[in-house]
């Protein structure tokens, strides 16, 4: 069964967070990405990405090229924008990464945060129950090294919110499908 990697247009043959990370890293073997490539991966219009840079949601690209870290920030925002307003997303990401247009104050690299999220999302069946979600979060963060005291708790809280928002968006999509099927049966 194929799976669309959250926040992207990329398909994987199975729900495997590690495979998603490998695919992302492989895309950067030749170097950083052009805006057109970022748009292809995310499904976002180029002007949307440029607008997010202008608004300070991520650092400016170097020589019009985007790093893996920047792509993952874009993908995080893209993934969450269907359920949360942009100011809330910025606040959430700023909770662990301070000023969004300054990477020097980050508690966690955006790519690490995104890949943690993807590995967790790949185990979505275990996420619907709050107790098992906490166990999965603890397991995912077991090797996280805090750059400052309290960083792990902050990252865990952000991941918990990201997962809840993502699950809510999936539930909303499922609800829409069910309603559409009901309406079609009534027509």
C-alpha atoms as a PDB file:
ATOM      1  CA  UNK A   1       0.000   0.000   0.000  1.00  0.00           C
ATOM      2  CA  UNK A   2       1.424   3.402  -0.925  1.00  0.00           C
ATOM      3  CA  UNK A   3       1.674   6.301   1.471  1.00  0.00           C
ATOM      4  CA  UNK A   4       2.056  10.019   0.748  1.00  0.00           C
ATOM      5  CA  UNK A   5       4.803  11.423   2.957  1.00  0.00           C
ATOM      6  CA  UNK A   6       3.089  14.071   5.140  1.00  0.00           C
ATOM      7  CA  UNK A   7       3.343  17.601   3.755  1.00  0.00           C
ATOM      8  CA  UNK A   8       4.636  16.434   0.376  1.00  0.00           C
ATOM      9  CA  UNK A   9       3.517  15.021  -2.949  1.00  0.00           C
ATOM     10  CA  UNK A  10       5.951  12.100  -2.590  1.00  0.00           C
ATOM     11  CA  UNK A  11       4.663   8.533  -2.497  1.00  0.00           C
ATOM     12  CA  UNK A  12       6.313   5.617  -0.740  1.00  0.00           C
ATOM     13  CA  UNK A  13       5.427   1.986  -1.342  1.00  0.00           C
ATOM     14  CA  UNK A  14       4.793   1.496   2.377  1.00  0.00           C
ATOM     15  CA  UNK A  15       4.421   3.413   5.621  1.00  0.00           C
ATOM     16  CA  UNK A  16       8.091   3.621   6.562  1.00  0.00           C
ATOM     17  CA  UNK A  17       9.434   6.757   8.239  1.00  0.00           C
ATOM     18  CA  UNK A  18      13.043   5.677   7.784  1.00  0.00           C
ATOM     19  CA  UNK A  19      12.507   5.195   4.065  1.00  0.00           C
ATOM     20  CA  UNK A  20      11.006   8.695   3.858  1.00  0.00           C
ATOM     21  CA  UNK A  21      14.103  10.163   5.502  1.00  0.00           C
ATOM     22  CA  UNK A  22      16.379   8.259   3.114  1.00  0.00           C
ATOM     23  CA  UNK A  23      14.390   9.543   0.143  1.00  0.00           C
ATOM     24  CA  UNK A  24      14.685  13.153   1.366  1.00  0.00           C
ATOM     25  CA  UNK A  25      18.405  12.877   2.023  1.00  0.00           C
ATOM     26  CA  UNK A  26      18.958  11.297  -1.408  1.00  0.00           C
ATOM     27  CA  UNK A  27      17.303  14.295  -3.068  1.00  0.00           C
ATOM     28  CA  UNK A  28      20.068  16.464  -1.597  1.00  0.00           C
ATOM     29  CA  UNK A  29      23.042  14.339  -2.698  1.00  0.00           C
ATOM     30  CA  UNK A  30      23.594  16.548  -5.766  1.00  0.00           C
ATOM     31  CA  UNK A  31      23.310  19.689  -3.617  1.00  0.00           C
ATOM     32  CA  UNK A  32      20.625  22.086  -2.521  1.00  0.00           C
ATOM     33  CA  UNK A  33      17.242  22.437  -4.254  1.00  0.00           C
ATOM     34  CA  UNK A  34      15.961  25.082  -6.604  1.00  0.00           C
ATOM     35  CA  UNK A  35      12.596  26.667  -5.864  1.00  0.00           C
ATOM     36  CA  UNK A  36      10.960  24.682  -8.677  1.00  0.00           C
ATOM     37  CA  UNK A  37      12.104  21.442  -7.017  1.00  0.00           C
ATOM     38  CA  UNK A  38      10.775  22.589  -3.626  1.00  0.00           C
ATOM     39  CA  UNK A  39       7.444  23.342  -5.314  1.00  0.00           C
ATOM     40  CA  UNK A  40       7.371  19.905  -6.939  1.00  0.00           C
ATOM     41  CA  UNK A  41       8.076  18.124  -3.636  1.00  0.00           C
ATOM     42  CA  UNK A  42       5.540  20.135  -1.614  1.00  0.00           C
ATOM     43  CA  UNK A  43       2.853  20.876  -4.188  1.00  0.00           C
ATOM     44  CA  UNK A  44       3.092  24.553  -3.200  1.00  0.00           C
ATOM     45  CA  UNK A  45       3.215  27.386  -5.700  1.00  0.00           C
ATOM     46  CA  UNK A  46       6.616  29.098  -5.897  1.00  0.00           C
ATOM     47  CA  UNK A  47       5.132  32.413  -4.805  1.00  0.00           C
ATOM     48  CA  UNK A  48       3.833  30.795  -1.590  1.00  0.00           C
ATOM     49  CA  UNK A  49       7.318  29.623  -0.627  1.00  0.00           C
ATOM     50  CA  UNK A  50       8.781  33.038  -1.519  1.00  0.00           C
ATOM     51  CA  UNK A  51       6.072  34.701   0.572  1.00  0.00           C
ATOM     52  CA  UNK A  52       6.940  32.511   3.569  1.00  0.00           C
ATOM     53  CA  UNK A  53      10.602  33.517   3.213  1.00  0.00           C
ATOM     54  CA  UNK A  54       9.605  37.200   2.998  1.00  0.00           C
ATOM     55  CA  UNK A  55       7.419  36.848   6.091  1.00  0.00           C
ATOM     56  CA  UNK A  56      10.317  35.322   8.056  1.00  0.00           C
ATOM     57  CA  UNK A  57       8.905  31.796   8.393  1.00  0.00           C
ATOM     58  CA  UNK A  58      12.290  30.408   7.325  1.00  0.00           C
ATOM     59  CA  UNK A  59      15.773  31.622   6.492  1.00  0.00           C
ATOM     60  CA  UNK A  60      16.481  33.057   3.064  1.00  0.00           C
ATOM     61  CA  UNK A  61      17.809  30.603   0.500  1.00  0.00           C
ATOM     62  CA  UNK A  62      21.489  30.874  -0.379  1.00  0.00           C
ATOM     63  CA  UNK A  63      21.991  31.615  -4.077  1.00  0.00           C
ATOM     64  CA  UNK A  64      18.290  30.801  -4.646  1.00  0.00           C
ATOM     65  CA  UNK A  65      18.886  27.248  -3.394  1.00  0.00           C
ATOM     66  CA  UNK A  66      17.097  25.603  -0.463  1.00  0.00           C
ATOM     67  CA  UNK A  67      18.764  23.294   2.057  1.00  0.00           C
ATOM     68  CA  UNK A  68      17.271  20.128   3.521  1.00  0.00           C
ATOM     69  CA  UNK A  69      16.645  22.061   6.729  1.00  0.00           C
ATOM     70  CA  UNK A  70      14.696  24.754   4.858  1.00  0.00           C
ATOM     71  CA  UNK A  71      12.728  22.185   2.866  1.00  0.00           C
ATOM     72  CA  UNK A  72      11.730  20.432   6.084  1.00  0.00           C
ATOM     73  CA  UNK A  73      10.557  23.745   7.591  1.00  0.00           C
ATOM     74  CA  UNK A  74       8.462  24.347   4.467  1.00  0.00           C
ATOM     75  CA  UNK A  75       7.064  20.812   4.614  1.00  0.00           C
ATOM     76  CA  UNK A  76       6.234  21.178   8.328  1.00  0.00           C
ATOM     77  CA  UNK A  77       4.297  24.372   7.620  1.00  0.00           C
ATOM     78  CA  UNK A  78       2.627  22.873   4.568  1.00  0.00           C
ATOM     79  CA  UNK A  79       1.563  19.801   6.519  1.00  0.00           C
ATOM     80  CA  UNK A  80       0.041  21.816   9.363  1.00  0.00           C
ATOM     81  CA  UNK A  81      -1.604  24.615   7.353  1.00  0.00           C
ATOM     82  CA  UNK A  82      -4.735  22.589   6.573  1.00  0.00           C
ATOM     83  CA  UNK A  83      -5.656  22.474  10.265  1.00  0.00           C
ATOM     84  CA  UNK A  84      -3.837  25.394  11.952  1.00  0.00           C
ATOM     85  CA  UNK A  85      -3.588  29.091  11.028  1.00  0.00           C
ATOM     86  CA  UNK A  86      -0.111  30.253   9.943  1.00  0.00           C
ATOM     87  CA  UNK A  87       0.460  32.410  13.057  1.00  0.00           C
ATOM     88  CA  UNK A  88      -0.203  29.353  15.248  1.00  0.00           C
ATOM     89  CA  UNK A  89       2.174  27.221  13.180  1.00  0.00           C
ATOM     90  CA  UNK A  90       4.876  29.877  13.513  1.00  0.00           C
ATOM     91  CA  UNK A  91       4.277  30.066  17.250  1.00  0.00           C
ATOM     92  CA  UNK A  92       4.493  26.276  17.526  1.00  0.00           C
ATOM     93  CA  UNK A  93       7.733  26.044  15.549  1.00  0.00           C
ATOM     94  CA  UNK A  94       9.125  29.097  17.336  1.00  0.00           C
ATOM     95  CA  UNK A  95       8.590  27.326  20.670  1.00  0.00           C
ATOM     96  CA  UNK A  96      11.524  25.046  19.833  1.00  0.00           C
ATOM     97  CA  UNK A  97      13.330  27.199  17.292  1.00  0.00           C
ATOM     98  CA  UNK A  98      13.061  30.790  18.472  1.00  0.00           C
ATOM     99  CA  UNK A  99      13.183  33.262  15.600  1.00  0.00           C
ATOM    100  CA  UNK A 100      12.130  31.293  12.536  1.00  0.00           C
ATOM    101  CA  UNK A 101      14.408  33.221  10.192  1.00  0.00           C
ATOM    102  CA  UNK A 102      17.465  32.543  12.395  1.00  0.00           C
ATOM    103  CA  UNK A 103      18.764  28.970  12.657  1.00  0.00           C
ATOM    104  CA  UNK A 104      21.373  29.801  15.306  1.00  0.00           C
ATOM    105  CA  UNK A 105      18.808  29.699  18.141  1.00  0.00           C
ATOM    106  CA  UNK A 106      17.214  26.362  17.195  1.00  0.00           C
ATOM    107  CA  UNK A 107      16.788  23.629  19.810  1.00  0.00           C
ATOM    108  CA  UNK A 108      16.333  21.088  17.037  1.00  0.00           C
ATOM    109  CA  UNK A 109      17.172  21.107  13.351  1.00  0.00           C
ATOM    110  CA  UNK A 110      13.965  21.297  11.287  1.00  0.00           C
ATOM    111  CA  UNK A 111      14.946  18.174   9.376  1.00  0.00           C
ATOM    112  CA  UNK A 112      15.368  16.229  12.636  1.00  0.00           C
ATOM    113  CA  UNK A 113      11.989  17.480  13.857  1.00  0.00           C
ATOM    114  CA  UNK A 114      10.314  16.552  10.575  1.00  0.00           C
ATOM    115  CA  UNK A 115      11.892  13.101  10.359  1.00  0.00           C
ATOM    116  CA  UNK A 116      10.901  12.381  13.964  1.00  0.00           C
ATOM    117  CA  UNK A 117       7.369  13.393  13.031  1.00  0.00           C
ATOM    118  CA  UNK A 118       7.366  11.185   9.913  1.00  0.00           C
ATOM    119  CA  UNK A 119       8.613   8.163  11.864  1.00  0.00           C
ATOM    120  CA  UNK A 120       5.818   8.773  14.382  1.00  0.00           C
ATOM    121  CA  UNK A 121       3.179   9.331  11.678  1.00  0.00           C
ATOM    122  CA  UNK A 122       4.230   6.069  10.034  1.00  0.00           C
ATOM    123  CA  UNK A 123       3.046   4.413  13.235  1.00  0.00           C
ATOM    124  CA  UNK A 124      -0.280   6.245  13.176  1.00  0.00           C
ATOM    125  CA  UNK A 125      -2.292   3.313  14.485  1.00  0.00           C
ATOM    126  CA  UNK A 126      -0.492   3.709  17.799  1.00  0.00           C
ATOM    127  CA  UNK A 127      -1.196   7.449  17.916  1.00  0.00           C
ATOM    128  CA  UNK A 128      -4.970   7.516  18.330  1.00  0.00           C
ATOM    129  CA  UNK A 129      -4.790   6.411  21.956  1.00  0.00           C
ATOM    130  CA  UNK A 130      -3.242   9.097  24.209  1.00  0.00           C
ATOM    131  CA  UNK A 131      -1.423   6.562  26.377  1.00  0.00           C
ATOM    132  CA  UNK A 132       0.202   4.731  23.477  1.00  0.00           C
ATOM    133  CA  UNK A 133       0.964   8.088  21.796  1.00  0.00           C
ATOM    134  CA  UNK A 134       2.986   9.109  24.868  1.00  0.00           C
ATOM    135  CA  UNK A 135       4.903   5.813  24.813  1.00  0.00           C
ATOM    136  CA  UNK A 136       5.687   6.234  21.096  1.00  0.00           C
ATOM    137  CA  UNK A 137       6.823   9.838  21.690  1.00  0.00           C
ATOM    138  CA  UNK A 138       9.109   8.747  24.537  1.00  0.00           C
ATOM    139  CA  UNK A 139      10.587   6.013  22.363  1.00  0.00           C
ATOM    140  CA  UNK A 140      11.218   8.431  19.465  1.00  0.00           C
ATOM    141  CA  UNK A 141      12.919  10.970  21.732  1.00  0.00           C
ATOM    142  CA  UNK A 142      15.040   8.429  23.623  1.00  0.00           C
ATOM    143  CA  UNK A 143      18.245   9.431  21.795  1.00  0.00           C
ATOM    144  CA  UNK A 144      17.535  13.170  21.514  1.00  0.00           C
ATOM    145  CA  UNK A 145      20.378  15.184  23.025  1.00  0.00           C
ATOM    146  CA  UNK A 146      19.217  18.406  24.633  1.00  0.00           C
ATOM    147  CA  UNK A 147      21.241  21.441  23.560  1.00  0.00           C
ATOM    148  CA  UNK A 148      19.829  23.237  26.616  1.00  0.00           C
ATOM    149  CA  UNK A 149      17.961  21.947  29.686  1.00  0.00           C
ATOM    150  CA  UNK A 150      14.254  21.513  28.998  1.00  0.00           C
ATOM    151  CA  UNK A 151      14.636  21.224  25.207  1.00  0.00           C
ATOM    152  CA  UNK A 152      13.460  17.604  25.145  1.00  0.00           C
ATOM    153  CA  UNK A 153      10.189  18.484  26.891  1.00  0.00           C
ATOM    154  CA  UNK A 154       9.621  21.318  24.407  1.00  0.00           C
ATOM    155  CA  UNK A 155      10.329  19.124  21.379  1.00  0.00           C
ATOM    156  CA  UNK A 156       8.026  16.442  22.779  1.00  0.00           C
ATOM    157  CA  UNK A 157       5.217  18.980  23.244  1.00  0.00           C
ATOM    158  CA  UNK A 158       5.641  20.315  19.706  1.00  0.00           C
ATOM    159  CA  UNK A 159       5.630  16.784  18.263  1.00  0.00           C
ATOM    160  CA  UNK A 160       2.513  15.962  20.294  1.00  0.00           C
ATOM    161  CA  UNK A 161       0.726  19.009  18.863  1.00  0.00           C
ATOM    162  CA  UNK A 162       1.942  18.303  15.313  1.00  0.00           C
ATOM    163  CA  UNK A 163       0.716  14.711  15.552  1.00  0.00           C
ATOM    164  CA  UNK A 164      -2.647  15.746  16.968  1.00  0.00           C
ATOM    165  CA  UNK A 165      -3.123  18.335  14.212  1.00  0.00           C
ATOM    166  CA  UNK A 166      -2.108  15.839  11.535  1.00  0.00           C
ATOM    167  CA  UNK A 167      -4.458  13.195  12.925  1.00  0.00           C
ATOM    168  CA  UNK A 168      -7.264  15.782  13.104  1.00  0.00           C
ATOM    169  CA  UNK A 169      -6.702  16.686   9.453  1.00  0.00           C
ATOM    170  CA  UNK A 170      -6.801  12.998   8.490  1.00  0.00           C
ATOM    171  CA  UNK A 171     -10.024  12.539  10.453  1.00  0.00           C
ATOM    172  CA  UNK A 172     -11.536  15.580   8.725  1.00  0.00           C
ATOM    173  CA  UNK A 173     -10.616  14.111   5.313  1.00  0.00           C
ATOM    174  CA  UNK A 174     -12.158  10.784   6.270  1.00  0.00           C
ATOM    175  CA  UNK A 175     -15.305  12.574   7.457  1.00  0.00           C
ATOM    176  CA  UNK A 176     -15.589  14.378   4.116  1.00  0.00           C
ATOM    177  CA  UNK A 177     -15.260  11.069   2.226  1.00  0.00           C
ATOM    178  CA  UNK A 178     -17.938   9.464   4.390  1.00  0.00           C
ATOM    179  CA  UNK A 179     -20.308  12.396   3.883  1.00  0.00           C
ATOM    180  CA  UNK A 180     -19.731  12.363   0.139  1.00  0.00           C
ATOM    181  CA  UNK A 181     -20.474   8.636  -0.010  1.00  0.00           C
ATOM    182  CA  UNK A 182     -23.646   9.194   2.028  1.00  0.00           C
ATOM    183  CA  UNK A 183     -24.774  11.997  -0.265  1.00  0.00           C
ATOM    184  CA  UNK A 184     -24.110   9.861  -3.345  1.00  0.00           C
ATOM    185  CA  UNK A 185     -26.248   7.052  -1.903  1.00  0.00           C
ATOM    186  CA  UNK A 186     -29.077   9.529  -1.254  1.00  0.00           C
ATOM    187  CA  UNK A 187     -28.987  10.968  -4.798  1.00  0.00           C
END
